[in-house]
Amino acid sequence: MALHFELVTPAKLVRSEDVHMVVVPGTEGEFGVLEGHAPFMSTIADGALKVYRTEGAAPEEIRITGGFAEVGDKGLTVLAEHVG
């Protein structure tokens, strides 16, 4: 099973892919999201998203600034103010 992950900025869709897990820098602390996670919404702190493409793989880090993360039926959507 895979988690559908989308990373979006006000200007464009940056990523849309199926991954194993994403660790998000929430304002209340980091949290990991796997397939089947309960619905959830959080504000994002400036930091790095850690994207694990497969179980046991090294994470790819994507620097983000501010925004929101939402976990729903369709997966994880990160709405970041800025990526890079």
PDB file of N, CA and C in Angstrom:
ATOM      1  N   MET A   1       0.840  -1.179   0.000  1.00  0.00           N
ATOM      2  CA  MET A   1       0.000   0.000   0.000  1.00  0.00           C
ATOM      3  C   MET A   1       0.884   1.241   0.000  1.00  0.00           C
ATOM      4  N   ALA A   2       0.380   2.304  -0.584  1.00  0.00           N
ATOM      5  CA  ALA A   2       1.156   3.527  -0.680  1.00  0.00           C
ATOM      6  C   ALA A   2       0.307   4.723  -0.261  1.00  0.00           C
ATOM      7  N   LEU A   3       0.988   5.737   0.203  1.00  0.00           N
ATOM      8  CA  LEU A   3       0.370   6.994   0.586  1.00  0.00           C
ATOM      9  C   LEU A   3       0.444   7.946  -0.601  1.00  0.00           C
ATOM     10  N   HIS A   4      -0.697   8.532  -0.987  1.00  0.00           N
ATOM     11  CA  HIS A   4      -0.650   9.534  -2.049  1.00  0.00           C
ATOM     12  C   HIS A   4      -0.267  10.863  -1.417  1.00  0.00           C
ATOM     13  N   PHE A   5       0.791  11.489  -1.942  1.00  0.00           N
ATOM     14  CA  PHE A   5       1.359  12.717  -1.389  1.00  0.00           C
ATOM     15  C   PHE A   5       1.353  13.808  -2.440  1.00  0.00           C
ATOM     16  N   GLU A   6       0.824  14.975  -2.059  1.00  0.00           N
ATOM     17  CA  GLU A   6       0.875  16.143  -2.938  1.00  0.00           C
ATOM     18  C   GLU A   6       1.483  17.304  -2.176  1.00  0.00           C
ATOM     19  N   LEU A   7       2.387  18.001  -2.837  1.00  0.00           N
ATOM     20  CA  LEU A   7       3.012  19.208  -2.303  1.00  0.00           C
ATOM     21  C   LEU A   7       2.638  20.353  -3.229  1.00  0.00           C
ATOM     22  N   VAL A   8       1.975  21.370  -2.666  1.00  0.00           N
ATOM     23  CA  VAL A   8       1.425  22.459  -3.458  1.00  0.00           C
ATOM     24  C   VAL A   8       1.878  23.796  -2.870  1.00  0.00           C
ATOM     25  N   THR A   9       2.194  24.758  -3.755  1.00  0.00           N
ATOM     26  CA  THR A   9       2.440  26.138  -3.342  1.00  0.00           C
ATOM     27  C   THR A   9       1.347  26.997  -3.971  1.00  0.00           C
ATOM     28  N   PRO A  10       1.266  28.273  -3.603  1.00  0.00           N
ATOM     29  CA  PRO A  10       0.273  29.127  -4.258  1.00  0.00           C
ATOM     30  C   PRO A  10       0.473  29.213  -5.776  1.00  0.00           C
ATOM     31  N   ALA A  11       1.699  28.985  -6.236  1.00  0.00           N
ATOM     32  CA  ALA A  11       2.000  29.128  -7.661  1.00  0.00           C
ATOM     33  C   ALA A  11       1.788  27.851  -8.474  1.00  0.00           C
ATOM     34  N   LYS A  12       2.013  26.664  -7.857  1.00  0.00           N
ATOM     35  CA  LYS A  12       1.955  25.442  -8.666  1.00  0.00           C
ATOM     36  C   LYS A  12       1.896  24.171  -7.826  1.00  0.00           C
ATOM     37  N   LEU A  13       1.584  23.075  -8.500  1.00  0.00           N
ATOM     38  CA  LEU A  13       1.681  21.743  -7.925  1.00  0.00           C
ATOM     39  C   LEU A  13       3.137  21.313  -8.066  1.00  0.00           C
ATOM     40  N   VAL A  14       3.820  21.105  -6.946  1.00  0.00           N
ATOM     41  CA  VAL A  14       5.241  20.761  -6.951  1.00  0.00           C
ATOM     42  C   VAL A  14       5.442  19.251  -7.082  1.00  0.00           C
ATOM     43  N   ARG A  15       4.656  18.468  -6.346  1.00  0.00           N
ATOM     44  CA  ARG A  15       4.765  17.009  -6.369  1.00  0.00           C
ATOM     45  C   ARG A  15       3.394  16.376  -6.285  1.00  0.00           C
ATOM     46  N   SER A  16       3.242  15.252  -6.938  1.00  0.00           N
ATOM     47  CA  SER A  16       2.063  14.411  -6.798  1.00  0.00           C
ATOM     48  C   SER A  16       2.524  12.997  -7.071  1.00  0.00           C
ATOM     49  N   GLU A  17       2.658  12.186  -6.012  1.00  0.00           N
ATOM     50  CA  GLU A  17       3.219  10.851  -6.172  1.00  0.00           C
ATOM     51  C   GLU A  17       2.793   9.942  -5.023  1.00  0.00           C
ATOM     52  N   ASP A  18       2.956   8.650  -5.229  1.00  0.00           N
ATOM     53  CA  ASP A  18       2.709   7.672  -4.184  1.00  0.00           C
ATOM     54  C   ASP A  18       4.032   7.359  -3.511  1.00  0.00           C
ATOM     55  N   VAL A  19       4.038   7.419  -2.163  1.00  0.00           N
ATOM     56  CA  VAL A  19       5.245   7.190  -1.379  1.00  0.00           C
ATOM     57  C   VAL A  19       4.906   6.266  -0.210  1.00  0.00           C
ATOM     58  N   HIS A  20       5.937   5.860   0.533  1.00  0.00           N
ATOM     59  CA  HIS A  20       5.721   5.016   1.707  1.00  0.00           C
ATOM     60  C   HIS A  20       5.284   5.851   2.913  1.00  0.00           C
ATOM     61  N   MET A  21       6.039   6.947   3.186  1.00  0.00           N
ATOM     62  CA  MET A  21       5.761   7.766   4.367  1.00  0.00           C
ATOM     63  C   MET A  21       6.322   9.170   4.162  1.00  0.00           C
ATOM     64  N   VAL A  22       5.673  10.143   4.811  1.00  0.00           N
ATOM     65  CA  VAL A  22       6.171  11.518   4.826  1.00  0.00           C
ATOM     66  C   VAL A  22       6.191  11.986   6.282  1.00  0.00           C
ATOM     67  N   VAL A  23       7.307  12.615   6.690  1.00  0.00           N
ATOM     68  CA  VAL A  23       7.408  13.227   8.011  1.00  0.00           C
ATOM     69  C   VAL A  23       7.321  14.738   7.808  1.00  0.00           C
ATOM     70  N   VAL A  24       6.366  15.354   8.492  1.00  0.00           N
ATOM     71  CA  VAL A  24       6.043  16.773   8.306  1.00  0.00           C
ATOM     72  C   VAL A  24       6.476  17.564   9.540  1.00  0.00           C
ATOM     73  N   PRO A  25       7.107  18.741   9.333  1.00  0.00           N
ATOM     74  CA  PRO A  25       7.481  19.582  10.479  1.00  0.00           C
ATOM     75  C   PRO A  25       6.294  20.427  10.955  1.00  0.00           C
ATOM     76  N   GLY A  26       5.455  19.852  11.776  1.00  0.00           N
ATOM     77  CA  GLY A  26       4.290  20.573  12.286  1.00  0.00           C
ATOM     78  C   GLY A  26       4.686  21.588  13.345  1.00  0.00           C
ATOM     79  N   THR A  27       3.855  22.577  13.564  1.00  0.00           N
ATOM     80  CA  THR A  27       4.167  23.593  14.572  1.00  0.00           C
ATOM     81  C   THR A  27       4.162  23.020  15.991  1.00  0.00           C
ATOM     82  N   GLU A  28       3.492  21.894  16.198  1.00  0.00           N
ATOM     83  CA  GLU A  28       3.481  21.228  17.502  1.00  0.00           C
ATOM     84  C   GLU A  28       4.502  20.097  17.570  1.00  0.00           C
ATOM     85  N   GLY A  29       5.328  19.964  16.530  1.00  0.00           N
ATOM     86  CA  GLY A  29       6.328  18.902  16.453  1.00  0.00           C
ATOM     87  C   GLY A  29       6.166  18.098  15.184  1.00  0.00           C
ATOM     88  N   GLU A  30       7.201  17.339  14.848  1.00  0.00           N
ATOM     89  CA  GLU A  30       7.149  16.508  13.633  1.00  0.00           C
ATOM     90  C   GLU A  30       6.123  15.405  13.786  1.00  0.00           C
ATOM     91  N   PHE A  31       5.493  15.035  12.658  1.00  0.00           N
ATOM     92  CA  PHE A  31       4.589  13.883  12.662  1.00  0.00           C
ATOM     93  C   PHE A  31       4.739  13.124  11.351  1.00  0.00           C
ATOM     94  N   GLY A  32       4.626  11.810  11.448  1.00  0.00           N
ATOM     95  CA  GLY A  32       4.738  10.948  10.276  1.00  0.00           C
ATOM     96  C   GLY A  32       3.367  10.534   9.790  1.00  0.00           C
ATOM     97  N   VAL A  33       3.249  10.398   8.462  1.00  0.00           N
ATOM     98  CA  VAL A  33       1.979   9.995   7.858  1.00  0.00           C
ATOM     99  C   VAL A  33       2.224   8.783   6.964  1.00  0.00           C
ATOM    100  N   LEU A  34       1.481   7.723   7.232  1.00  0.00           N
ATOM    101  CA  LEU A  34       1.493   6.503   6.422  1.00  0.00           C
ATOM    102  C   LEU A  34       0.104   6.329   5.810  1.00  0.00           C
ATOM    103  N   GLU A  35      -0.004   5.441   4.844  1.00  0.00           N
ATOM    104  CA  GLU A  35      -1.302   5.087   4.254  1.00  0.00           C
ATOM    105  C   GLU A  35      -2.258   4.678   5.370  1.00  0.00           C
ATOM    106  N   GLY A  36      -3.501   5.169   5.318  1.00  0.00           N
ATOM    107  CA  GLY A  36      -4.510   4.790   6.300  1.00  0.00           C
ATOM    108  C   GLY A  36      -4.526   5.665   7.545  1.00  0.00           C
ATOM    109  N   HIS A  37      -3.709   6.719   7.579  1.00  0.00           N
ATOM    110  CA  HIS A  37      -3.679   7.631   8.727  1.00  0.00           C
ATOM    111  C   HIS A  37      -5.061   8.258   8.928  1.00  0.00           C
ATOM    112  N   ALA A  38      -5.433   8.491  10.163  1.00  0.00           N
ATOM    113  CA  ALA A  38      -6.715   9.139  10.466  1.00  0.00           C
ATOM    114  C   ALA A  38      -6.718  10.571   9.912  1.00  0.00           C
ATOM    115  N   PRO A  39      -7.883  11.086   9.534  1.00  0.00           N
ATOM    116  CA  PRO A  39      -7.961  12.473   9.056  1.00  0.00           C
ATOM    117  C   PRO A  39      -7.369  13.426  10.094  1.00  0.00           C
ATOM    118  N   PHE A  40      -6.643  14.425   9.591  1.00  0.00           N
ATOM    119  CA  PHE A  40      -5.850  15.270  10.478  1.00  0.00           C
ATOM    120  C   PHE A  40      -5.501  16.551   9.738  1.00  0.00           C
ATOM    121  N   MET A  41      -5.394  17.655  10.466  1.00  0.00           N
ATOM    122  CA  MET A  41      -4.944  18.902   9.853  1.00  0.00           C
ATOM    123  C   MET A  41      -4.008  19.596  10.830  1.00  0.00           C
ATOM    124  N   SER A  42      -2.931  20.205  10.292  1.00  0.00           N
ATOM    125  CA  SER A  42      -1.951  20.869  11.143  1.00  0.00           C
ATOM    126  C   SER A  42      -1.326  22.039  10.404  1.00  0.00           C
ATOM    127  N   THR A  43      -0.920  23.051  11.159  1.00  0.00           N
ATOM    128  CA  THR A  43      -0.090  24.101  10.583  1.00  0.00           C
ATOM    129  C   THR A  43       1.337  23.565  10.506  1.00  0.00           C
ATOM    130  N   ILE A  44       2.124  24.160   9.608  1.00  0.00           N
ATOM    131  CA  ILE A  44       3.482  23.681   9.352  1.00  0.00           C
ATOM    132  C   ILE A  44       4.487  24.715   9.828  1.00  0.00           C
ATOM    133  N   ALA A  45       5.555  24.234  10.462  1.00  0.00           N
ATOM    134  CA  ALA A  45       6.685  25.084  10.827  1.00  0.00           C
ATOM    135  C   ALA A  45       7.672  25.093   9.663  1.00  0.00           C
ATOM    136  N   ASP A  46       8.507  26.114   9.584  1.00  0.00           N
ATOM    137  CA  ASP A  46       9.569  26.118   8.582  1.00  0.00           C
ATOM    138  C   ASP A  46      10.490  24.944   8.885  1.00  0.00           C
ATOM    139  N   GLY A  47      10.848  24.195   7.859  1.00  0.00           N
ATOM    140  CA  GLY A  47      11.711  23.038   8.076  1.00  0.00           C
ATOM    141  C   GLY A  47      11.763  22.164   6.850  1.00  0.00           C
ATOM    142  N   ALA A  48      12.025  20.886   7.086  1.00  0.00           N
ATOM    143  CA  ALA A  48      12.173  19.942   5.982  1.00  0.00           C
ATOM    144  C   ALA A  48      11.117  18.852   6.050  1.00  0.00           C
ATOM    145  N   LEU A  49      10.435  18.643   4.924  1.00  0.00           N
ATOM    146  CA  LEU A  49       9.612  17.448   4.758  1.00  0.00           C
ATOM    147  C   LEU A  49      10.574  16.309   4.503  1.00  0.00           C
ATOM    148  N   LYS A  50      10.320  15.152   5.087  1.00  0.00           N
ATOM    149  CA  LYS A  50      11.136  13.971   4.818  1.00  0.00           C
ATOM    150  C   LYS A  50      10.248  12.975   4.086  1.00  0.00           C
ATOM    151  N   VAL A  51      10.584  12.710   2.828  1.00  0.00           N
ATOM    152  CA  VAL A  51       9.783  11.835   1.981  1.00  0.00           C
ATOM    153  C   VAL A  51      10.494  10.499   1.828  1.00  0.00           C
ATOM    154  N   TYR A  52       9.857   9.430   2.300  1.00  0.00           N
ATOM    155  CA  TYR A  52      10.386   8.074   2.186  1.00  0.00           C
ATOM    156  C   TYR A  52       9.651   7.393   1.040  1.00  0.00           C
ATOM    157  N   ARG A  53      10.333   7.186  -0.066  1.00  0.00           N
ATOM    158  CA  ARG A  53       9.679   6.592  -1.244  1.00  0.00           C
ATOM    159  C   ARG A  53       9.286   5.132  -1.006  1.00  0.00           C
ATOM    160  N   THR A  54      10.145   4.391  -0.301  1.00  0.00           N
ATOM    161  CA  THR A  54       9.853   2.991   0.020  1.00  0.00           C
ATOM    162  C   THR A  54      10.230   2.731   1.468  1.00  0.00           C
ATOM    163  N   GLU A  55       9.704   1.658   2.037  1.00  0.00           N
ATOM    164  CA  GLU A  55      10.020   1.291   3.410  1.00  0.00           C
ATOM    165  C   GLU A  55      11.514   1.029   3.535  1.00  0.00           C
ATOM    166  N   GLY A  56      12.154   1.625   4.518  1.00  0.00           N
ATOM    167  CA  GLY A  56      13.581   1.418   4.743  1.00  0.00           C
ATOM    168  C   GLY A  56      14.493   2.302   3.902  1.00  0.00           C
ATOM    169  N   ALA A  57      13.932   3.081   2.993  1.00  0.00           N
ATOM    170  CA  ALA A  57      14.745   3.949   2.133  1.00  0.00           C
ATOM    171  C   ALA A  57      15.201   5.181   2.912  1.00  0.00           C
ATOM    172  N   ALA A  58      16.294   5.778   2.468  1.00  0.00           N
ATOM    173  CA  ALA A  58      16.743   7.044   3.046  1.00  0.00           C
ATOM    174  C   ALA A  58      15.757   8.133   2.606  1.00  0.00           C
ATOM    175  N   PRO A  59      15.464   9.085   3.478  1.00  0.00           N
ATOM    176  CA  PRO A  59      14.489  10.115   3.104  1.00  0.00           C
ATOM    177  C   PRO A  59      15.076  11.159   2.164  1.00  0.00           C
ATOM    178  N   GLU A  60      14.209  11.685   1.312  1.00  0.00           N
ATOM    179  CA  GLU A  60      14.530  12.871   0.521  1.00  0.00           C
ATOM    180  C   GLU A  60      13.997  14.051   1.326  1.00  0.00           C
ATOM    181  N   GLU A  61      14.820  15.078   1.524  1.00  0.00           N
ATOM    182  CA  GLU A  61      14.384  16.241   2.282  1.00  0.00           C
ATOM    183  C   GLU A  61      14.026  17.378   1.342  1.00  0.00           C
ATOM    184  N   ILE A  62      12.865  17.984   1.604  1.00  0.00           N
ATOM    185  CA  ILE A  62      12.388  19.121   0.817  1.00  0.00           C
ATOM    186  C   ILE A  62      12.147  20.267   1.790  1.00  0.00           C
ATOM    187  N   ARG A  63      12.889  21.353   1.639  1.00  0.00           N
ATOM    188  CA  ARG A  63      12.732  22.522   2.519  1.00  0.00           C
ATOM    189  C   ARG A  63      11.421  23.245   2.191  1.00  0.00           C
ATOM    190  N   ILE A  64      10.643  23.536   3.248  1.00  0.00           N
ATOM    191  CA  ILE A  64       9.388  24.251   3.065  1.00  0.00           C
ATOM    192  C   ILE A  64       9.285  25.386   4.087  1.00  0.00           C
ATOM    193  N   THR A  65       8.469  26.351   3.757  1.00  0.00           N
ATOM    194  CA  THR A  65       8.217  27.482   4.644  1.00  0.00           C
ATOM    195  C   THR A  65       6.709  27.628   4.833  1.00  0.00           C
ATOM    196  N   GLY A  66       6.274  27.520   6.072  1.00  0.00           N
ATOM    197  CA  GLY A  66       4.886  27.766   6.445  1.00  0.00           C
ATOM    198  C   GLY A  66       3.844  26.995   5.668  1.00  0.00           C
ATOM    199  N   GLY A  67       2.604  27.115   6.115  1.00  0.00           N
ATOM    200  CA  GLY A  67       1.491  26.495   5.414  1.00  0.00           C
ATOM    201  C   GLY A  67       0.704  25.545   6.277  1.00  0.00           C
ATOM    202  N   PHE A  68       0.062  24.584   5.618  1.00  0.00           N
ATOM    203  CA  PHE A  68      -0.812  23.619   6.281  1.00  0.00           C
ATOM    204  C   PHE A  68      -0.586  22.226   5.707  1.00  0.00           C
ATOM    205  N   ALA A  69      -0.871  21.218   6.506  1.00  0.00           N
ATOM    206  CA  ALA A  69      -0.867  19.830   6.045  1.00  0.00           C
ATOM    207  C   ALA A  69      -2.233  19.242   6.358  1.00  0.00           C
ATOM    208  N   GLU A  70      -2.775  18.508   5.398  1.00  0.00           N
ATOM    209  CA  GLU A  70      -4.067  17.866   5.595  1.00  0.00           C
ATOM    210  C   GLU A  70      -3.993  16.410   5.179  1.00  0.00           C
ATOM    211  N   VAL A  71      -4.415  15.539   6.094  1.00  0.00           N
ATOM    212  CA  VAL A  71      -4.516  14.119   5.800  1.00  0.00           C
ATOM    213  C   VAL A  71      -5.995  13.813   5.643  1.00  0.00           C
ATOM    214  N   GLY A  72      -6.357  13.215   4.504  1.00  0.00           N
ATOM    215  CA  GLY A  72      -7.749  12.866   4.249  1.00  0.00           C
ATOM    216  C   GLY A  72      -7.840  11.524   3.554  1.00  0.00           C
ATOM    217  N   ASP A  73      -9.013  11.226   3.028  1.00  0.00           N
ATOM    218  CA  ASP A  73      -9.253   9.958   2.340  1.00  0.00           C
ATOM    219  C   ASP A  73      -8.324   9.762   1.146  1.00  0.00           C
ATOM    220  N   LYS A  74      -7.917  10.851   0.513  1.00  0.00           N
ATOM    221  CA  LYS A  74      -7.085  10.753  -0.693  1.00  0.00           C
ATOM    222  C   LYS A  74      -5.598  10.816  -0.397  1.00  0.00           C
ATOM    223  N   GLY A  75      -5.209  10.917   0.878  1.00  0.00           N
ATOM    224  CA  GLY A  75      -3.797  10.934   1.238  1.00  0.00           C
ATOM    225  C   GLY A  75      -3.405  12.214   1.957  1.00  0.00           C
ATOM    226  N   LEU A  76      -2.129  12.617   1.760  1.00  0.00           N
ATOM    227  CA  LEU A  76      -1.566  13.798   2.416  1.00  0.00           C
ATOM    228  C   LEU A  76      -1.371  14.920   1.417  1.00  0.00           C
ATOM    229  N   THR A  77      -1.911  16.082   1.741  1.00  0.00           N
ATOM    230  CA  THR A  77      -1.674  17.273   0.942  1.00  0.00           C
ATOM    231  C   THR A  77      -0.972  18.296   1.814  1.00  0.00           C
ATOM    232  N   VAL A  78       0.176  18.787   1.353  1.00  0.00           N
ATOM    233  CA  VAL A  78       0.913  19.837   2.038  1.00  0.00           C
ATOM    234  C   VAL A  78       0.788  21.106   1.213  1.00  0.00           C
ATOM    235  N   LEU A  79       0.209  22.141   1.831  1.00  0.00           N
ATOM    236  CA  LEU A  79       0.041  23.434   1.181  1.00  0.00           C
ATOM    237  C   LEU A  79       1.086  24.357   1.802  1.00  0.00           C
ATOM    238  N   ALA A  80       2.229  24.513   1.116  1.00  0.00           N
ATOM    239  CA  ALA A  80       3.344  25.284   1.644  1.00  0.00           C
ATOM    240  C   ALA A  80       3.382  26.680   1.045  1.00  0.00           C
ATOM    241  N   GLU A  81       3.767  27.658   1.852  1.00  0.00           N
ATOM    242  CA  GLU A  81       3.916  29.017   1.342  1.00  0.00           C
ATOM    243  C   GLU A  81       5.063  29.103   0.337  1.00  0.00           C
ATOM    244  N   HIS A  82       6.141  28.350   0.612  1.00  0.00           N
ATOM    245  CA  HIS A  82       7.321  28.373  -0.268  1.00  0.00           C
ATOM    246  C   HIS A  82       8.037  27.025  -0.179  1.00  0.00           C
ATOM    247  N   VAL A  83       8.556  26.554  -1.308  1.00  0.00           N
ATOM    248  CA  VAL A  83       9.341  25.323  -1.368  1.00  0.00           C
ATOM    249  C   VAL A  83      10.719  25.664  -1.908  1.00  0.00           C
ATOM    250  N   GLY A  84      11.746  25.157  -1.225  1.00  0.00           N
ATOM    251  CA  GLY A  84      13.103  25.370  -1.742  1.00  0.00           C
ATOM    252  C   GLY A  84      14.039  26.014  -0.791  1.00  0.00           C
TER     253      GLY A  84
END
